Protein backbone atom coordinates (compact mmCIF):
# COMPACT_ATOMS: atom_id res chain seq x y z
CA MET A 1 53.52 37.42 -64.84
CA ILE A 2 49.79 37.30 -65.61
CA HIS A 3 48.29 34.72 -67.95
CA CYS A 4 45.69 36.15 -70.37
CA GLU A 5 42.58 33.97 -70.52
CA ASN A 6 41.68 35.33 -73.98
CA CYS A 7 44.89 34.83 -76.01
CA SER A 8 47.14 32.87 -73.58
CA ASN A 9 49.76 35.62 -73.60
CA SER A 10 51.90 36.26 -70.52
CA PHE A 11 52.18 39.91 -69.53
CA GLU A 12 52.49 42.41 -66.72
CA GLY A 13 50.14 45.29 -65.98
CA LYS A 14 46.38 45.86 -66.00
CA PHE A 15 45.77 44.95 -69.67
CA CYS A 16 47.13 42.30 -72.04
CA ASN A 17 49.58 43.85 -74.50
CA GLN A 18 48.42 41.46 -77.26
CA CYS A 19 44.61 41.58 -77.22
CA GLY A 20 43.84 44.37 -74.73
CA GLN A 21 41.77 42.25 -72.31
CA LYS A 22 41.80 43.21 -68.64
CA ALA A 23 44.17 41.33 -66.38
CA THR A 24 41.36 40.53 -63.96
CA VAL A 25 38.25 38.96 -65.52
CA LYS A 26 35.27 38.67 -63.21
CA ARG A 27 32.60 35.99 -63.40
CA ILE A 28 29.58 36.92 -65.54
CA THR A 29 26.43 37.71 -63.55
CA LEU A 30 23.11 39.32 -64.44
CA LYS A 31 24.24 42.43 -62.59
CA SER A 32 27.46 42.67 -64.60
CA VAL A 33 25.60 42.11 -67.91
CA PHE A 34 23.11 44.93 -67.27
CA ALA A 35 25.82 47.19 -65.85
CA GLU A 36 27.88 46.75 -69.03
CA LEU A 37 24.82 47.42 -71.20
CA ILE A 38 23.96 50.62 -69.34
CA LYS A 39 27.59 51.72 -69.48
CA LYS A 40 27.75 51.18 -73.26
CA ILE A 41 24.54 53.15 -73.84
CA THR A 42 25.04 56.06 -71.45
CA ILE A 43 28.80 56.69 -71.56
CA TRP A 44 29.43 60.13 -73.09
CA ASP A 45 33.09 59.97 -74.11
CA LYS A 46 33.05 56.70 -76.03
CA GLY A 47 30.73 54.33 -77.91
CA LEU A 48 27.13 54.69 -79.02
CA MET A 49 26.17 57.87 -77.16
CA TYR A 50 29.41 59.65 -78.03
CA THR A 51 29.06 58.69 -81.70
CA THR A 52 25.47 59.95 -81.79
CA VAL A 53 26.29 63.30 -80.16
CA GLN A 54 29.28 63.92 -82.45
CA LEU A 55 27.30 62.85 -85.52
CA MET A 56 24.31 65.07 -84.83
CA THR A 57 26.47 68.13 -84.07
CA GLY A 58 28.73 67.76 -87.10
CA PRO A 59 28.18 64.76 -89.40
CA GLY A 60 30.85 65.58 -91.97
CA ARG A 61 33.38 66.61 -89.34
CA MET A 62 32.75 63.46 -87.31
CA ALA A 63 33.11 61.12 -90.32
CA TYR A 64 36.28 62.94 -91.39
CA ALA A 65 37.77 62.46 -87.91
CA TYR A 66 36.99 58.72 -88.07
CA ILE A 67 38.59 58.36 -91.50
CA GLN A 68 41.67 60.28 -90.36
CA GLY A 69 42.27 57.71 -87.64
CA ARG A 70 40.35 58.83 -84.54
CA ARG A 71 38.38 55.59 -84.26
CA VAL A 72 38.66 54.26 -80.71
CA ASN A 73 35.78 56.33 -79.30
CA PHE A 74 33.38 55.81 -82.20
CA THR A 75 30.99 52.92 -82.87
CA LYS A 76 31.92 51.16 -86.13
CA PRO A 77 30.01 52.60 -89.14
CA LEU A 78 28.18 49.47 -90.31
CA THR A 79 27.29 48.47 -86.76
CA TYR A 80 26.03 51.97 -86.08
CA ILE A 81 23.80 52.31 -89.16
CA LEU A 82 22.28 48.85 -88.65
CA LEU A 83 21.52 49.65 -85.00
CA THR A 84 20.07 53.02 -85.96
CA VAL A 85 17.84 51.75 -88.76
CA THR A 86 16.67 48.80 -86.66
CA ALA A 87 15.82 51.09 -83.74
CA SER A 88 13.98 53.53 -86.02
CA MET A 89 11.70 50.76 -87.30
CA TYR A 90 10.16 50.49 -83.82
CA PHE A 91 8.84 54.03 -84.28
CA PHE A 92 7.70 53.42 -87.83
CA PRO A 93 4.23 51.75 -88.08
CA LYS A 94 4.20 48.86 -90.54
CA LYS A 95 0.57 49.61 -91.41
CA ASP A 96 1.64 52.92 -92.99
CA PHE A 97 4.16 51.08 -95.14
CA GLU A 98 1.55 48.53 -96.17
CA GLN A 99 -0.95 51.26 -97.08
CA VAL A 100 1.56 52.82 -99.46
CA MET A 101 2.46 49.44 -100.95
CA ASN A 102 -1.22 48.58 -101.34
CA ALA A 103 -2.19 51.84 -103.06
CA GLY A 104 -3.44 50.95 -106.51
CA ALA A 105 -2.45 47.28 -106.17
CA LYS A 106 -4.75 44.54 -107.39
CA LYS A 107 -3.24 41.46 -105.71
CA GLN A 108 -3.44 42.29 -102.05
CA ALA A 109 -1.89 39.03 -100.79
CA THR A 110 1.28 39.53 -102.82
CA VAL A 111 1.46 43.17 -101.77
CA PHE A 112 1.29 42.39 -98.06
CA GLN A 113 3.80 39.55 -98.36
CA SER A 114 6.18 41.91 -100.18
CA ALA A 115 5.59 44.65 -97.61
CA ASP A 116 6.33 42.22 -94.77
CA TRP A 117 9.54 41.08 -96.43
CA LEU A 118 10.71 44.62 -97.14
CA PHE A 119 9.86 45.81 -93.63
CA SER A 120 11.64 42.83 -92.03
CA ASN A 121 14.81 43.45 -94.05
CA MET A 122 14.83 47.25 -94.02
CA GLY A 123 18.26 47.46 -92.40
CA ILE A 124 19.91 45.42 -95.16
CA ILE A 125 17.98 47.28 -97.86
CA TYR A 126 19.12 50.61 -96.41
CA LEU A 127 22.70 49.32 -96.29
CA PHE A 128 22.67 48.51 -100.01
CA LEU A 129 22.07 52.19 -100.80
CA LEU A 130 25.51 53.13 -99.47
CA PRO A 131 27.59 51.83 -102.44
CA PHE A 132 25.44 53.86 -104.84
CA LEU A 133 25.96 57.02 -102.78
CA ALA A 134 29.71 56.39 -102.58
CA TRP A 135 29.99 55.66 -106.30
CA VAL A 136 27.97 58.68 -107.47
CA SER A 137 29.73 60.92 -104.96
CA ARG A 138 33.11 59.69 -106.13
CA TRP A 139 32.12 60.63 -109.68
CA PHE A 140 31.17 64.17 -108.57
CA ASN A 141 34.35 64.48 -106.49
CA ARG A 142 36.92 62.89 -108.78
CA LYS A 143 39.69 65.12 -107.42
CA SER A 144 38.85 64.27 -103.82
CA ARG A 145 41.51 62.53 -101.72
CA PHE A 146 38.91 60.10 -100.35
CA ASN A 147 38.71 56.63 -101.88
CA PHE A 148 35.53 54.63 -102.42
CA ALA A 149 35.72 52.79 -99.08
CA GLU A 150 36.21 56.03 -97.13
CA GLN A 151 33.22 57.62 -98.84
CA PHE A 152 31.22 54.46 -98.09
CA VAL A 153 32.05 54.91 -94.38
CA PHE A 154 31.05 58.58 -94.55
CA TYR A 155 27.64 57.77 -96.01
CA ALA A 156 27.08 55.00 -93.46
CA TYR A 157 27.35 57.60 -90.70
CA LEU A 158 25.48 60.30 -92.63
CA MET A 159 22.50 58.09 -93.47
CA ALA A 160 22.37 56.93 -89.85
CA GLY A 161 22.21 60.59 -88.83
CA CYS A 162 19.43 61.24 -91.35
CA THR A 163 17.50 58.35 -89.82
CA ILE A 164 17.86 59.84 -86.33
CA VAL A 165 16.59 63.20 -87.63
CA ILE A 166 13.20 61.76 -88.64
CA ILE A 167 12.56 59.77 -85.44
CA PRO A 168 11.07 62.73 -83.48
CA PHE A 169 8.75 63.54 -86.39
CA THR A 170 7.66 59.90 -86.61
CA CYS A 171 6.88 59.85 -82.88
CA VAL A 172 4.72 62.99 -83.18
CA LEU A 173 2.88 61.59 -86.22
CA ASN A 174 2.20 58.36 -84.32
CA ILE A 175 0.76 60.30 -81.40
CA MET A 176 -1.42 62.27 -83.81
CA ASP A 177 -2.41 59.00 -85.56
CA VAL A 178 -1.33 60.41 -88.92
CA ASN A 179 0.23 58.33 -91.70
CA THR A 180 3.99 58.73 -91.36
CA ILE A 181 4.53 58.45 -95.13
CA GLY A 182 1.60 60.52 -96.37
CA VAL A 183 1.90 64.13 -97.49
CA ASN A 184 1.03 66.63 -94.78
CA PRO A 185 2.72 69.74 -93.30
CA LEU A 186 4.64 67.74 -90.67
CA THR A 187 5.96 65.12 -93.08
CA ILE A 188 7.00 67.89 -95.49
CA LEU A 189 8.96 69.53 -92.65
CA GLU A 190 10.41 66.10 -91.84
CA TYR A 191 11.65 65.63 -95.41
CA ILE A 192 13.11 69.15 -95.49
CA CYS A 193 15.04 68.54 -92.26
CA TRP A 194 16.24 65.19 -93.64
CA LEU A 195 17.54 66.81 -96.83
CA LEU A 196 19.14 69.73 -94.99
CA PHE A 197 20.97 67.37 -92.65
CA PHE A 198 22.23 65.36 -95.62
CA ALA A 199 23.42 68.50 -97.42
CA TRP A 200 25.05 69.80 -94.23
CA GLY A 201 27.04 66.61 -93.77
CA TYR A 202 28.03 66.59 -97.45
CA VAL A 203 29.45 70.13 -97.51
CA GLN A 204 31.27 69.53 -94.21
CA PHE A 205 32.92 66.32 -95.35
CA TYR A 206 34.01 67.59 -98.77
CA GLY A 207 34.87 71.09 -97.56
CA LYS A 208 32.31 72.89 -99.74
CA GLN A 209 30.97 75.29 -97.07
CA LYS A 210 31.92 78.41 -99.04
CA SER A 211 29.66 77.65 -102.00
CA TYR A 212 25.91 77.16 -102.36
CA TRP A 213 26.74 74.66 -105.09
CA GLY A 214 28.10 72.29 -102.44
CA GLY A 215 24.69 71.73 -100.84
CA ILE A 216 22.96 71.51 -104.23
CA GLN A 217 25.58 69.01 -105.38
CA GLY A 218 24.97 66.91 -102.28
CA LEU A 219 21.24 66.75 -102.99
CA LEU A 220 21.97 65.91 -106.62
CA VAL A 221 24.20 63.02 -105.49
CA LEU A 222 21.37 61.79 -103.28
CA PHE A 223 18.76 62.07 -106.05
CA ILE A 224 20.86 60.25 -108.68
CA SER A 225 21.87 57.55 -106.18
CA TYR A 226 18.25 56.90 -105.25
CA ILE A 227 17.20 56.60 -108.89
CA LEU A 228 19.99 54.10 -109.65
CA TYR A 229 19.32 52.22 -106.42
CA ILE A 230 15.56 51.94 -106.94
CA PHE A 231 16.08 50.75 -110.51
CA ALA A 232 18.70 48.15 -109.51
CA PHE A 233 16.82 46.96 -106.41
CA GLY A 234 13.49 46.84 -108.26
CA LEU A 235 15.07 44.78 -111.04
CA ILE A 236 16.70 42.34 -108.61
CA PHE A 237 13.54 42.09 -106.48
CA THR A 238 11.38 41.40 -109.55
CA ILE A 239 13.75 38.71 -110.82
CA ALA A 240 13.85 37.13 -107.35
CA MET A 241 10.04 37.03 -107.16
CA ILE A 242 9.81 35.48 -110.63
CA ILE A 243 12.34 32.79 -109.66
CA ASP A 244 10.44 32.28 -106.41
CA ARG A 245 7.17 31.73 -108.30
CA ILE A 246 8.71 29.42 -110.90
CA PHE A 247 10.55 27.15 -108.48
CA HIS A 248 8.07 27.51 -105.56
CA LEU A 249 10.83 28.54 -103.13
CA ASN A 250 8.45 30.58 -100.92
CA LEU A 251 11.18 33.11 -100.17
CA PHE A 252 8.68 35.95 -99.88
CA THR A 253 5.97 34.12 -97.98
CA LEU A 254 5.90 34.58 -94.23
CA PRO A 255 4.29 31.63 -92.40
CA ASN A 256 1.31 32.25 -90.14
CA THR A 257 0.86 35.77 -91.49
CA ALA A 258 -2.79 36.70 -91.73
CA LEU A 259 -3.92 39.46 -94.02
CA PRO A 260 -5.54 42.44 -92.31
CA THR A 261 -9.30 42.50 -92.58
CA GLN A 262 -10.95 45.24 -94.50
């Protein structure tokens, strides 16, 4: 009998029948740590790479498979979207975000502090959009067999895929030294691809491929969700800033942050 170091269970075989840990656990070394990291990133039939390939070749089909129970090979939805959004921020220049925030603003210090806070918490902010998408989508698909939580999972994967779609465009815009948020032919193409990917995933997941209305409905769900989200987030953010000013909590002030010189 083999004694499991993880759960103290006694078993026979190569894996513990209680927790799944390997029977033989090797000592941790730098080589083993990097080998495990490379394996997790590059493996094609399981994990991050597999999830990305399946998502980008069929977002609705992939999410449906996960919800139906095929989950072992996929990265968990919330983990995946947080990793994706965080990774995408490395390609997204903060100066472009600050320029948009600063457009027409009078109090530059407050603007840059707000921009820093928003940029630093973009993953969480993006995550908060998912309940709005699931709720609005559930209203449009009242006869659907999917519950709220399942639709939440679907949109976690779909929005992660939408984020991946815009990364190549962002890289090209950075090389060209063009504002990644401004209006130009490349950013227009970027937004079109983003919307098409969203609509594609929507019609796949809800089985609306035979009707043009399916794609239009998906975009309508996105539009309404964004309006509700921006209103709710703006209201909460404004209240939080007011409370911060009244009680001097300094929640939105980043220490040692110098304003850019004009």
